[in-house]
Amino acid sequence: MRTALKMFKLRGVSSRRFTSPNMLKAKTVLGVSISEKQINLVLLKKGKNGIEILKSASSSVPEGAIKNGNIENAAVLARAIRKLKNSSKIRATRAAVLLFARPVITQIINIPRQVPSNVGQFVHDQMKDCAVLPGRKIALDYCGVSGAGSDVSSAGRLLITATDDRKIGEIVKMCGQADLVVESIEPALFAYTRALYAGNIAGKFDCNVLIAVLQDDTLTLCVFKKQAMDFVRTKSVSKAPESPYGEKTESEQLCHWLAEQINKVIQFYDVDVPDSCGKWEITVVAADEQLPENTEAVLKTKIASSNLKVLTNEDICHTAVVSRSADCQRADKPSPVALGLAMKLLETDAHNLGVNLLPQQVVRLRTVRKGALITANIVAALLLIMALAVNGPTWKIKKLNESINYKKTHLLQNTYALLRERALVNKQINTVSNKLAQVNKVTVARCDTDLAGILNDIGKRIPKTVCMTSLFSRAGSGISLKGLALSSEDVYLFVEMLNKSEYIKSASIAETKRDKKDFVGYEIGCTPVTEKGEK
């Protein structure tokens, strides 16, 4: 059952809705869930019958790598992820990663009846005054949700996720060190709802569906009406007021507090949402909070809903997938968050919220690199053709010599025939020698440099943040390289690396220019080393 979401084509201050080129028609993808205590990996495959878990693995986060929900030591964390991948024999690199930064804002806002011409600017203006994000460069993304209550304008509503832009950069950088190609970054709530969608949300048109997730000292409550997300609220468990429940244990008090928060949401819909159906299905997910064994029974006595269930991580994974490989059955129990993250890249028919905090410039740079790689392959093919053209005459001469030796052995008895054959062979040798002389003349005049060696060495020295889009040579002016870089410092680094090459006499910047997309275009002139050894 497809979701009722309506997608807007803008993100942030300008349009940032995009799809990574590698996200299309995915078959095997990796979900990476990271918290302060645990690293979880889930490898999924989309088969004919549905989703299959190929492998799952988990390990503890190294001490000091993450603090207060943020990365403190990226190198240590990346090394731990690589080690976990290698030990689990997971070779996939395309990954959806959990947004494990703080603070994170997730909320639904109304947009005016007259939709602004720049929806991105409207969203940014709404979020820049948030108490937890003032004075920071905000990374945000959003998607449209269908109107549900009578107070919703005809233009609809927006589901927004925002955080500090630096946190997103840290996640992308760390994943690069862990040899992961990040294609999606999103909060845990969206991963949970995607994993729960088929069994708990799809087809529920006659009731409201409430999902309560307890994770990382936070309670997140969301409501779905007619398959569309209609309400989101986040509460800190550590800041929950002390409950007057006598001598009850801490876990029992948490259970009663959870019931109070769920009842508040139900009461809000009964009073302030006139078209609410009044029927509720409630799913509680206790990801890492310790609840009593009788939690489901206690909640049913305090919440006016006969359809209430408490799910474990294993329950969620069992509902979302069709089968598990033998390796997965022997490995660690899969994480539902990592599972839901990977499901987004498979583009299943489940609830696929259109929110992705992966920076747009990262996707653009990957596209440019892909084009440069295609160009490099074409150049390599041309060099191979040139090499074959030069070596062809030499091969022919070798074959002719073999033919002469054979005929000398078998034609000695007939001198006249031998002389006639020899004259014919000499004529052929002269013809081929003339052609070879012409080829050598061209080679000496125009190929005094090791082009294959230069191209191979440039490919080894180009920084990861720089891509080369063209390479050409003009008479008497050496070699000119053109391309794009993320910053001017990256261009200077590239020139420095070229000057260390044994194939290049000197390299210098001919031109740099920043374009409208904030990339730095460059042109570098190079003087190659000739075969005579000149440096």
Protein backbone atom coordinates (compact mmCIF):
# COMPACT_ATOMS: atom_id res chain seq x y z
CA MET A 1 0.00 0.00 0.00
CA ARG A 2 1.55 3.27 -1.07
CA THR A 3 1.85 6.20 1.27
CA ALA A 4 -0.24 9.36 0.90
CA LEU A 5 2.80 11.64 1.08
CA LYS A 6 3.07 14.47 -1.44
CA MET A 7 6.65 15.36 -2.31
CA PHE A 8 7.85 18.97 -2.62
CA LYS A 9 10.80 19.70 -4.90
CA LEU A 10 12.67 22.06 -2.58
CA ARG A 11 14.99 21.68 0.35
CA GLY A 12 16.67 24.21 2.68
CA VAL A 13 17.14 27.72 1.33
CA SER A 14 17.06 26.46 -2.25
CA SER A 15 15.98 23.29 -4.01
CA ARG A 16 17.80 20.34 -2.46
CA ARG A 17 15.51 17.41 -3.27
CA PHE A 18 17.72 14.93 -5.06
CA THR A 19 18.34 11.25 -5.73
CA SER A 20 21.80 9.81 -5.67
CA PRO A 21 22.68 8.12 -8.98
CA ASN A 22 23.63 4.92 -7.11
CA MET A 23 20.28 4.70 -5.31
CA LEU A 24 18.38 3.55 -8.40
CA LYS A 25 17.51 -0.15 -8.74
CA ALA A 26 19.46 -1.18 -5.66
CA LYS A 27 19.62 -4.91 -4.84
CA THR A 28 22.09 -5.19 -1.94
CA VAL A 29 22.46 -2.35 0.57
CA LEU A 30 23.84 -1.74 4.05
CA GLY A 31 22.14 -0.08 7.01
CA VAL A 32 24.45 1.45 9.65
CA SER A 33 23.00 2.32 13.06
CA ILE A 34 25.32 3.94 15.62
CA SER A 35 24.50 4.95 19.19
CA GLU A 36 26.68 5.87 22.16
CA LYS A 37 27.02 2.19 23.07
CA GLN A 38 26.50 0.07 19.97
CA ILE A 39 27.39 -0.19 16.26
CA ASN A 40 24.87 -2.23 14.23
CA LEU A 41 25.16 -3.33 10.61
CA VAL A 42 22.43 -5.01 8.54
CA LEU A 43 22.98 -6.15 4.94
CA LEU A 44 19.74 -6.48 2.93
CA LYS A 45 18.88 -7.96 -0.43
CA LYS A 46 15.72 -7.42 -2.42
CA GLY A 47 14.66 -10.77 -3.84
CA LYS A 48 11.68 -11.95 -5.86
CA ASN A 49 9.59 -12.62 -2.74
CA GLY A 50 10.63 -9.56 -0.72
CA ILE A 51 13.37 -8.44 1.65
CA GLU A 52 16.02 -10.89 2.86
CA ILE A 53 18.59 -10.22 5.59
CA LEU A 54 21.92 -11.50 4.31
CA LYS A 55 24.09 -10.54 7.27
CA SER A 56 23.89 -8.67 10.56
CA ALA A 57 26.62 -7.69 12.97
CA SER A 58 27.08 -5.56 16.07
CA SER A 59 29.90 -4.42 18.33
CA SER A 60 30.49 -1.97 21.15
CA VAL A 61 31.47 1.62 20.39
CA PRO A 62 35.10 2.25 21.40
CA GLU A 63 35.44 4.27 24.58
CA GLY A 64 35.59 8.01 23.89
CA ALA A 65 34.54 7.74 20.22
CA ILE A 66 31.05 9.17 20.86
CA LYS A 67 30.06 11.54 23.67
CA ASN A 68 26.64 13.07 24.33
CA GLY A 69 25.37 11.76 21.02
CA ASN A 70 28.15 13.38 18.94
CA ILE A 71 31.37 12.11 17.36
CA GLU A 72 34.45 12.82 19.49
CA ASN A 73 37.04 10.65 17.71
CA ALA A 74 36.11 9.98 14.07
CA ALA A 75 39.24 7.96 13.29
CA VAL A 76 38.65 5.48 16.12
CA LEU A 77 34.96 5.10 15.23
CA ALA A 78 35.73 4.57 11.52
CA ARG A 79 38.34 1.95 12.40
CA ALA A 80 35.78 0.09 14.55
CA ILE A 81 33.24 0.06 11.68
CA ARG A 82 35.84 -1.25 9.20
CA LYS A 83 36.87 -3.96 11.65
CA LEU A 84 33.24 -5.02 12.17
CA LYS A 85 32.64 -5.12 8.40
CA ASN A 86 35.76 -7.19 7.75
CA SER A 87 35.09 -9.65 10.57
CA SER A 88 31.53 -10.14 9.28
CA LYS A 89 32.73 -10.42 5.65
CA ILE A 90 30.47 -7.55 4.58
CA ARG A 91 31.88 -6.04 1.38
CA ALA A 92 29.02 -3.68 0.51
CA THR A 93 29.88 0.02 0.63
CA ARG A 94 26.57 1.71 -0.32
CA ALA A 95 24.96 2.59 2.99
CA ALA A 96 22.13 4.42 4.73
CA VAL A 97 23.38 5.87 8.03
CA LEU A 98 21.56 6.88 11.20
CA LEU A 99 21.53 10.57 12.15
CA PHE A 100 23.10 10.11 15.60
CA ALA A 101 23.80 13.79 16.27
CA ARG A 102 22.41 16.14 18.91
CA PRO A 103 20.41 18.30 18.84
CA VAL A 104 17.90 17.03 16.25
CA ILE A 105 14.53 18.67 15.58
CA THR A 106 11.69 16.67 13.98
CA GLN A 107 8.30 18.33 13.70
CA ILE A 108 5.28 18.92 11.47
CA ILE A 109 4.29 22.50 10.58
CA ASN A 110 1.42 24.02 8.64
CA ILE A 111 2.20 25.98 5.50
CA PRO A 112 0.10 28.99 4.47
CA ARG A 113 -2.91 28.59 2.22
CA GLN A 114 -1.02 30.67 -0.36
CA VAL A 115 2.13 28.57 -0.69
CA PRO A 116 5.25 30.81 -0.78
CA SER A 117 7.17 30.88 -4.06
CA ASN A 118 10.28 29.69 -2.18
CA VAL A 119 9.11 26.98 0.19
CA GLY A 120 12.73 26.27 1.16
CA GLN A 121 13.24 29.81 2.47
CA PHE A 122 9.93 29.61 4.36
CA VAL A 123 11.04 26.38 6.07
CA HIS A 124 14.47 27.80 6.90
CA ASP A 125 12.92 30.91 8.46
CA GLN A 126 10.69 28.69 10.61
CA MET A 127 13.60 26.62 11.90
CA LYS A 128 16.32 29.26 12.42
CA ASP A 129 14.62 30.60 15.56
CA CYS A 130 14.52 27.19 17.31
CA ALA A 131 15.96 27.45 20.80
CA VAL A 132 18.37 24.54 20.28
CA LEU A 133 19.67 25.72 16.88
CA PRO A 134 20.18 29.52 17.07
CA GLY A 135 23.33 31.00 15.57
CA ARG A 136 24.25 27.79 13.74
CA LYS A 137 24.35 26.77 10.12
CA ILE A 138 21.33 24.51 9.84
CA ALA A 139 21.13 21.31 7.78
CA LEU A 140 17.50 20.44 7.12
CA ASP A 141 15.24 18.51 4.82
CA TYR A 142 11.49 18.12 4.58
CA CYS A 143 8.65 16.48 2.71
CA GLY A 144 4.96 17.24 2.39
CA VAL A 145 2.25 15.33 4.25
CA SER A 146 -1.44 15.37 3.40
CA GLY A 147 -3.70 17.53 5.56
CA ALA A 148 -5.52 15.67 8.30
CA GLY A 149 -7.29 18.04 10.71
CA SER A 150 -9.76 20.84 10.02
CA ASP A 151 -7.14 23.40 11.04
CA VAL A 152 -4.85 22.34 8.22
CA SER A 153 -4.78 24.65 5.21
CA SER A 154 -5.56 23.36 1.75
CA ALA A 155 -1.85 23.63 0.92
CA GLY A 156 -1.08 20.84 3.43
CA ARG A 157 1.70 20.39 5.99
CA LEU A 158 5.43 19.74 6.09
CA LEU A 159 7.43 17.14 8.00
CA ILE A 160 10.81 18.73 8.83
CA THR A 161 14.06 17.36 10.25
CA ALA A 162 16.88 19.76 11.16
CA THR A 163 20.22 19.64 12.94
CA ASP A 164 23.59 21.41 13.10
CA ASP A 165 25.21 21.30 9.65
CA ARG A 166 28.60 20.52 11.20
CA LYS A 167 27.25 17.28 12.65
CA ILE A 168 26.22 16.09 9.19
CA GLY A 169 29.68 16.91 7.86
CA GLU A 170 31.29 14.92 10.66
CA ILE A 171 29.14 11.86 9.88
CA VAL A 172 29.94 12.00 6.14
CA LYS A 173 33.67 12.43 6.83
CA MET A 174 33.75 9.57 9.35
CA CYS A 175 31.90 7.23 6.97
CA GLY A 176 34.38 8.09 4.21
CA GLN A 177 37.21 7.00 6.53
CA ALA A 178 35.28 3.76 7.12
CA ASP A 179 35.10 3.11 3.33
CA LEU A 180 31.33 3.69 3.19
CA VAL A 181 29.51 5.50 0.39
CA VAL A 182 26.70 7.28 2.24
CA GLU A 183 23.50 7.68 0.24
CA SER A 184 21.05 8.55 3.02
CA ILE A 185 21.14 10.09 6.50
CA GLU A 186 17.96 10.19 8.59
CA PRO A 187 16.72 9.97 12.22
CA ALA A 188 15.85 6.67 13.91
CA LEU A 189 12.10 7.44 13.94
CA PHE A 190 11.84 7.18 10.15
CA ALA A 191 13.75 3.89 10.15
CA TYR A 192 11.40 2.45 12.79
CA THR A 193 8.24 3.54 10.96
CA ARG A 194 9.56 2.09 7.70
CA ALA A 195 10.25 -1.27 9.36
CA LEU A 196 6.84 -1.21 11.10
CA TYR A 197 4.86 0.05 8.13
CA ALA A 198 3.79 -3.19 6.45
CA GLY A 199 2.52 -4.86 9.63
CA ASN A 200 1.30 -1.92 11.70
CA ILE A 201 0.42 1.09 9.49
CA ALA A 202 -0.49 -0.01 5.97
CA GLY A 203 -4.23 -0.25 5.30
CA LYS A 204 -5.27 1.29 8.65
CA PHE A 205 -7.87 3.81 7.37
CA ASP A 206 -10.47 3.32 10.10
CA CYS A 207 -8.21 4.12 13.09
CA ASN A 208 -5.33 6.27 14.26
CA VAL A 209 -1.99 4.48 14.63
CA LEU A 210 0.30 5.71 17.44
CA ILE A 211 3.96 4.64 17.51
CA ALA A 212 5.92 5.22 20.76
CA VAL A 213 9.70 4.66 20.59
CA LEU A 214 11.91 4.65 23.69
CA GLN A 215 15.54 5.02 22.63
CA ASP A 216 18.66 6.88 23.79
CA ASP A 217 16.93 8.42 26.82
CA THR A 218 14.24 9.86 24.53
CA LEU A 219 10.55 9.11 23.96
CA THR A 220 9.28 9.85 20.45
CA LEU A 221 5.54 9.73 19.79
CA CYS A 222 4.12 9.86 16.26
CA VAL A 223 0.59 9.43 14.94
CA PHE A 224 -0.43 8.16 11.51
CA LYS A 225 -3.86 8.99 10.07
CA LYS A 226 -4.84 7.16 6.93
CA GLN A 227 -1.25 6.03 6.43
CA ALA A 228 0.18 9.58 6.55
CA MET A 229 2.29 10.88 9.46
CA ASP A 230 0.13 13.49 11.21
CA PHE A 231 1.81 14.21 14.57
CA VAL A 232 5.32 14.07 16.09
CA ARG A 233 6.36 14.81 19.67
CA THR A 234 9.71 14.19 21.41
CA LYS A 235 10.20 14.00 25.19
CA SER A 236 13.37 13.54 27.21
CA VAL A 237 13.09 10.57 29.55
CA SER A 238 15.74 11.96 31.90
CA LYS A 239 13.70 15.16 32.31
CA ALA A 240 10.47 13.36 33.09
CA PRO A 241 8.89 14.61 36.34
CA GLU A 242 8.97 12.35 39.35
CA SER A 243 5.81 10.27 39.48
CA PRO A 244 3.80 9.87 42.71
CA TYR A 245 3.66 6.10 42.48
CA GLY A 246 4.96 5.24 45.93
CA GLU A 247 7.78 2.73 46.21
CA LYS A 248 7.67 1.57 42.62
CA THR A 249 10.93 0.77 40.85
CA GLU A 250 12.44 3.12 38.29
CA SER A 251 11.30 0.90 35.39
CA GLU A 252 7.75 0.79 36.78
CA GLN A 253 7.68 4.58 37.11
CA LEU A 254 8.88 4.83 33.50
CA CYS A 255 6.01 2.56 32.45
CA HIS A 256 3.41 4.78 34.19
CA TRP A 257 5.00 7.95 32.74
CA LEU A 258 4.84 6.40 29.28
CA ALA A 259 1.11 5.75 29.75
CA GLU A 260 0.58 9.39 30.75
CA GLN A 261 2.33 10.68 27.60
CA ILE A 262 0.31 8.40 25.33
CA ASN A 263 -2.95 9.46 26.99
CA LYS A 264 -2.08 13.14 26.48
CA VAL A 265 -1.77 12.56 22.73
CA ILE A 266 -5.07 10.68 22.61
CA GLN A 267 -6.81 13.44 24.60
CA PHE A 268 -5.39 16.08 22.24
CA TYR A 269 -6.95 14.30 19.25
CA ASP A 270 -10.28 13.78 21.04
CA VAL A 271 -10.54 17.51 21.91
CA ASP A 272 -8.69 19.45 19.19
CA VAL A 273 -9.08 17.27 16.11
CA PRO A 274 -12.80 17.10 15.29
CA ASP A 275 -12.48 14.56 12.47
CA SER A 276 -10.51 12.09 14.58
CA CYS A 277 -12.05 8.63 14.30
CA GLY A 278 -11.63 7.90 18.04
CA LYS A 279 -10.22 4.42 17.44
CA TRP A 280 -6.55 3.77 18.22
CA GLU A 281 -3.93 1.14 17.56
CA ILE A 282 -0.86 1.65 19.74
CA THR A 283 2.60 0.14 19.24
CA VAL A 284 5.30 0.63 21.88
CA VAL A 285 8.95 -0.03 20.96
CA ALA A 286 11.34 -0.28 23.91
CA ALA A 287 14.63 -0.15 22.03
CA ASP A 288 17.08 0.31 24.90
CA GLU A 289 14.98 1.29 27.92
CA GLN A 290 14.35 -1.36 30.55
CA LEU A 291 10.58 -1.89 31.08
CA PRO A 292 8.86 -4.39 33.39
CA GLU A 293 7.80 -7.75 31.96
CA ASN A 294 4.14 -6.85 32.52
CA THR A 295 4.43 -3.51 30.66
CA GLU A 296 1.81 -4.44 28.06
CA ALA A 297 -0.72 -5.43 30.71
CA VAL A 298 -0.08 -2.25 32.75
CA LEU A 299 -0.44 0.00 29.71
CA LYS A 300 -3.71 -1.65 28.68
CA THR A 301 -5.21 -0.86 32.10
CA LYS A 302 -4.24 2.82 31.84
CA ILE A 303 -4.83 3.56 28.14
CA ALA A 304 -8.27 3.53 26.55
CA SER A 305 -7.33 1.26 23.65
CA SER A 306 -7.95 -2.45 23.36
CA ASN A 307 -5.42 -2.82 20.55
CA LEU A 308 -2.05 -2.17 22.21
CA LYS A 309 1.16 -4.12 21.87
CA VAL A 310 4.77 -3.85 23.03
CA LEU A 311 7.26 -5.01 20.40
CA THR A 312 10.84 -6.12 20.80
CA ASN A 313 13.54 -5.58 18.20
CA GLU A 314 13.16 -9.19 17.12
CA ASP A 315 9.38 -8.73 16.59
CA ILE A 316 9.95 -5.74 14.31
CA CYS A 317 12.57 -7.50 12.18
CA HIS A 318 10.42 -10.61 11.86
CA THR A 319 7.51 -8.52 10.53
CA ALA A 320 9.57 -6.49 8.04
CA VAL A 321 11.55 -9.24 6.30
CA VAL A 322 10.68 -12.39 4.39
CA SER A 323 13.68 -14.58 5.19
CA ARG A 324 17.17 -14.65 6.64
CA SER A 325 20.28 -16.28 5.29
CA ALA A 326 22.07 -19.01 7.22
CA ASP A 327 24.86 -16.55 8.10
CA CYS A 328 22.33 -14.12 9.59
CA GLN A 329 20.66 -16.81 11.71
CA ARG A 330 24.03 -17.62 13.30
CA ALA A 331 25.05 -13.95 13.75
CA ASP A 332 23.90 -11.22 16.12
CA LYS A 333 20.21 -10.32 16.20
CA PRO A 334 19.58 -7.62 13.60
CA SER A 335 18.87 -4.03 14.64
CA PRO A 336 15.44 -2.73 13.49
CA VAL A 337 16.95 0.75 13.01
CA ALA A 338 19.70 -0.52 10.70
CA LEU A 339 17.07 -2.64 8.95
CA GLY A 340 14.76 0.34 8.38
CA LEU A 341 17.65 2.48 7.15
CA ALA A 342 18.68 -0.07 4.53
CA MET A 343 15.05 -0.53 3.40
CA LYS A 344 15.03 3.07 2.18
CA LEU A 345 17.75 2.32 -0.39
CA LEU A 346 15.84 -0.74 -1.62
CA GLU A 347 12.91 1.54 -2.56
CA THR A 348 10.30 -0.86 -1.27
CA ASP A 349 6.58 -0.10 -1.28
CA ALA A 350 6.75 0.53 2.46
CA HIS A 351 6.40 3.97 4.07
CA ASN A 352 9.39 5.77 2.54
CA LEU A 353 9.46 9.28 4.04
CA GLY A 354 11.19 11.68 1.68
CA VAL A 355 13.73 13.11 4.14
CA ASN A 356 17.47 12.82 3.51
CA LEU A 357 20.08 15.03 5.21
CA LEU A 358 22.96 13.95 2.96
CA PRO A 359 24.54 17.23 1.68
CA GLN A 360 23.68 17.96 -1.94
CA GLN A 361 27.25 18.98 -2.82
CA VAL A 362 28.42 15.46 -1.93
CA VAL A 363 26.03 13.97 -4.49
CA ARG A 364 27.07 16.53 -7.13
CA LEU A 365 30.76 15.77 -6.61
CA ARG A 366 30.12 12.03 -7.00
CA THR A 367 28.32 12.70 -10.31
CA VAL A 368 31.24 14.77 -11.60
CA ARG A 369 33.72 12.07 -10.52
CA LYS A 370 31.71 9.45 -12.39
CA GLY A 371 31.89 11.53 -15.58
CA ALA A 372 35.63 12.02 -15.14
CA LEU A 373 36.10 8.25 -14.70
CA ILE A 374 34.29 7.59 -17.99
CA THR A 375 36.54 10.15 -19.73
CA ALA A 376 39.65 8.50 -18.27
CA ASN A 377 38.53 5.10 -19.59
CA ILE A 378 38.08 6.56 -23.08
CA VAL A 379 41.58 8.08 -22.96
CA ALA A 380 43.03 4.73 -21.83
CA ALA A 381 41.34 2.98 -24.76
CA LEU A 382 42.82 5.51 -27.21
CA LEU A 383 46.31 4.97 -25.75
CA LEU A 384 45.90 1.22 -26.21
CA ILE A 385 44.97 1.72 -29.87
CA MET A 386 48.04 3.93 -30.36
CA ALA A 387 50.29 1.29 -28.80
CA LEU A 388 48.88 -1.40 -31.08
CA ALA A 389 49.38 0.85 -34.12
CA VAL A 390 53.08 1.33 -33.27
CA ASN A 391 53.78 -2.34 -32.52
CA GLY A 392 51.92 -3.64 -35.59
CA PRO A 393 54.77 -3.20 -38.15
CA THR A 394 57.28 -4.86 -35.81
CA TRP A 395 54.99 -7.89 -35.54
CA LYS A 396 54.69 -8.08 -39.33
CA ILE A 397 58.47 -8.02 -39.78
CA LYS A 398 58.82 -10.85 -37.28
CA LYS A 399 56.32 -12.93 -39.22
CA LEU A 400 58.12 -12.21 -42.49
CA ASN A 401 61.45 -13.35 -41.02
CA GLU A 402 59.88 -16.61 -39.93
CA SER A 403 58.53 -17.06 -43.45
CA ILE A 404 61.99 -16.41 -44.98
CA ASN A 405 63.68 -19.00 -42.76
CA TYR A 406 61.07 -21.58 -43.64
CA LYS A 407 61.39 -21.01 -47.34
CA LYS A 408 65.21 -21.07 -47.24
CA THR A 409 65.07 -24.57 -45.78
CA HIS A 410 62.61 -26.00 -48.30
CA LEU A 411 63.58 -24.22 -51.53
CA LEU A 412 67.38 -24.76 -51.70
CA GLN A 413 67.01 -27.39 -54.50
CA ASN A 414 65.51 -24.86 -56.87
CA THR A 415 67.84 -21.86 -57.14
CA TYR A 416 65.74 -20.03 -59.69
CA ALA A 417 62.62 -20.36 -57.60
CA LEU A 418 64.53 -19.32 -54.50
CA LEU A 419 65.91 -16.17 -56.16
CA ARG A 420 62.49 -15.22 -57.47
CA GLU A 421 60.94 -15.77 -54.05
CA ARG A 422 63.73 -13.82 -52.41
CA ALA A 423 63.19 -10.87 -54.71
CA LEU A 424 59.52 -10.86 -53.81
CA VAL A 425 60.30 -11.05 -50.10
CA ASN A 426 62.81 -8.20 -50.33
CA LYS A 427 60.20 -6.07 -52.03
CA GLN A 428 57.79 -6.75 -49.15
CA ILE A 429 60.49 -5.97 -46.60
CA ASN A 430 61.23 -2.66 -48.26
CA THR A 431 57.55 -1.73 -48.26
CA VAL A 432 57.12 -2.56 -44.57
CA SER A 433 60.40 -0.85 -43.65
CA ASN A 434 59.27 2.35 -45.33
CA LYS A 435 56.03 2.27 -43.33
CA LEU A 436 57.93 1.59 -40.11
CA ALA A 437 60.26 4.50 -40.85
CA GLN A 438 57.27 6.77 -41.26
CA VAL A 439 55.77 5.58 -37.97
CA ASN A 440 59.11 6.03 -36.17
CA LYS A 441 59.41 9.53 -37.60
CA VAL A 442 56.00 10.46 -36.20
CA THR A 443 56.79 8.80 -32.88
CA VAL A 444 60.10 10.66 -32.50
CA ALA A 445 58.54 13.97 -33.52
CA ARG A 446 55.38 13.85 -31.39
CA CYS A 447 55.65 11.17 -28.73
CA ASP A 448 58.71 12.25 -26.76
CA THR A 449 56.89 11.79 -23.47
CA ASP A 450 55.55 8.76 -21.64
CA LEU A 451 51.80 9.61 -21.89
CA ALA A 452 50.68 6.38 -20.28
CA GLY A 453 53.05 6.91 -17.34
CA ILE A 454 51.94 10.54 -16.90
CA LEU A 455 48.22 9.67 -16.87
CA ASN A 456 48.76 6.79 -14.46
CA ASP A 457 50.84 8.98 -12.09
CA ILE A 458 48.28 11.85 -12.20
CA GLY A 459 45.53 9.38 -11.27
CA LYS A 460 47.54 8.29 -8.20
CA ARG A 461 48.28 11.84 -7.04
CA ILE A 462 44.88 13.54 -7.48
CA PRO A 463 43.26 14.27 -4.07
CA LYS A 464 39.83 12.80 -3.25
CA THR A 465 38.30 16.29 -3.11
CA VAL A 466 39.47 17.14 -6.66
CA CYS A 467 38.18 15.78 -9.96
CA MET A 468 39.69 16.20 -13.44
CA THR A 469 37.26 16.82 -16.32
CA SER A 470 39.65 17.36 -19.26
CA LEU A 471 43.28 16.85 -20.32
CA PHE A 472 44.70 18.32 -23.51
CA SER A 473 47.99 19.37 -25.07
CA ARG A 474 48.80 22.29 -27.35
CA ALA A 475 51.88 22.67 -29.54
CA GLY A 476 54.82 23.88 -27.48
CA SER A 477 52.73 24.40 -24.32
CA GLY A 478 52.95 21.05 -22.54
CA ILE A 479 49.85 19.51 -20.91
CA SER A 480 46.83 21.37 -19.49
CA LEU A 481 44.55 19.85 -16.82
CA LYS A 482 41.09 21.22 -16.10
CA GLY A 483 38.54 20.19 -13.45
CA LEU A 484 36.64 21.02 -10.27
CA ALA A 485 37.56 21.07 -6.57
CA LEU A 486 35.78 21.75 -3.30
CA SER A 487 38.20 24.53 -2.33
CA SER A 488 41.24 26.50 -3.52
CA GLU A 489 43.38 24.68 -0.93
CA ASP A 490 42.60 21.40 -2.66
CA VAL A 491 43.84 22.85 -6.00
CA TYR A 492 47.13 23.97 -4.39
CA LEU A 493 47.52 20.49 -2.87
CA PHE A 494 47.02 18.94 -6.32
CA VAL A 495 49.72 21.20 -7.84
CA GLU A 496 52.09 20.31 -5.02
CA MET A 497 51.54 16.59 -5.65
CA LEU A 498 52.11 17.03 -9.40
CA ASN A 499 55.43 18.82 -8.79
CA LYS A 500 56.60 15.70 -6.92
CA SER A 501 55.95 13.48 -9.97
CA GLU A 502 58.93 11.97 -11.77
CA TYR A 503 57.02 12.37 -15.04
CA ILE A 504 56.35 16.13 -14.72
CA LYS A 505 59.07 18.75 -14.91
CA SER A 506 56.90 21.52 -13.44
CA ALA A 507 53.25 22.28 -12.69
CA SER A 508 51.56 25.60 -11.94
CA ILE A 509 48.07 27.04 -11.64
CA ALA A 510 46.95 28.83 -14.81
CA GLU A 511 43.49 29.81 -13.59
CA THR A 512 41.01 29.27 -10.74
CA LYS A 513 37.41 30.39 -10.66
CA ARG A 514 34.54 29.66 -8.24
CA ASP A 515 31.24 28.79 -9.95
CA LYS A 516 27.62 29.39 -8.91
CA LYS A 517 27.46 25.95 -7.22
CA ASP A 518 30.39 26.88 -4.94
CA PHE A 519 32.84 24.58 -6.71
CA VAL A 520 36.31 25.89 -7.65
CA GLY A 521 37.11 25.44 -11.35
CA TYR A 522 40.82 25.23 -12.14
CA GLU A 523 43.31 24.95 -14.98
CA ILE A 524 46.82 23.63 -14.28
CA GLY A 525 49.64 23.78 -16.80
CA CYS A 526 52.25 20.98 -16.74
CA THR A 527 55.59 20.58 -18.49
CA PRO A 528 56.25 16.83 -18.91
CA VAL A 529 59.64 15.14 -18.66
CA THR A 530 60.92 14.01 -22.06
CA GLU A 531 62.29 10.56 -22.78
CA LYS A 532 65.77 12.08 -22.91
CA GLY A 533 65.61 12.39 -19.13
CA GLU A 534 65.22 16.18 -19.04
CA LYS A 535 63.87 17.39 -15.63
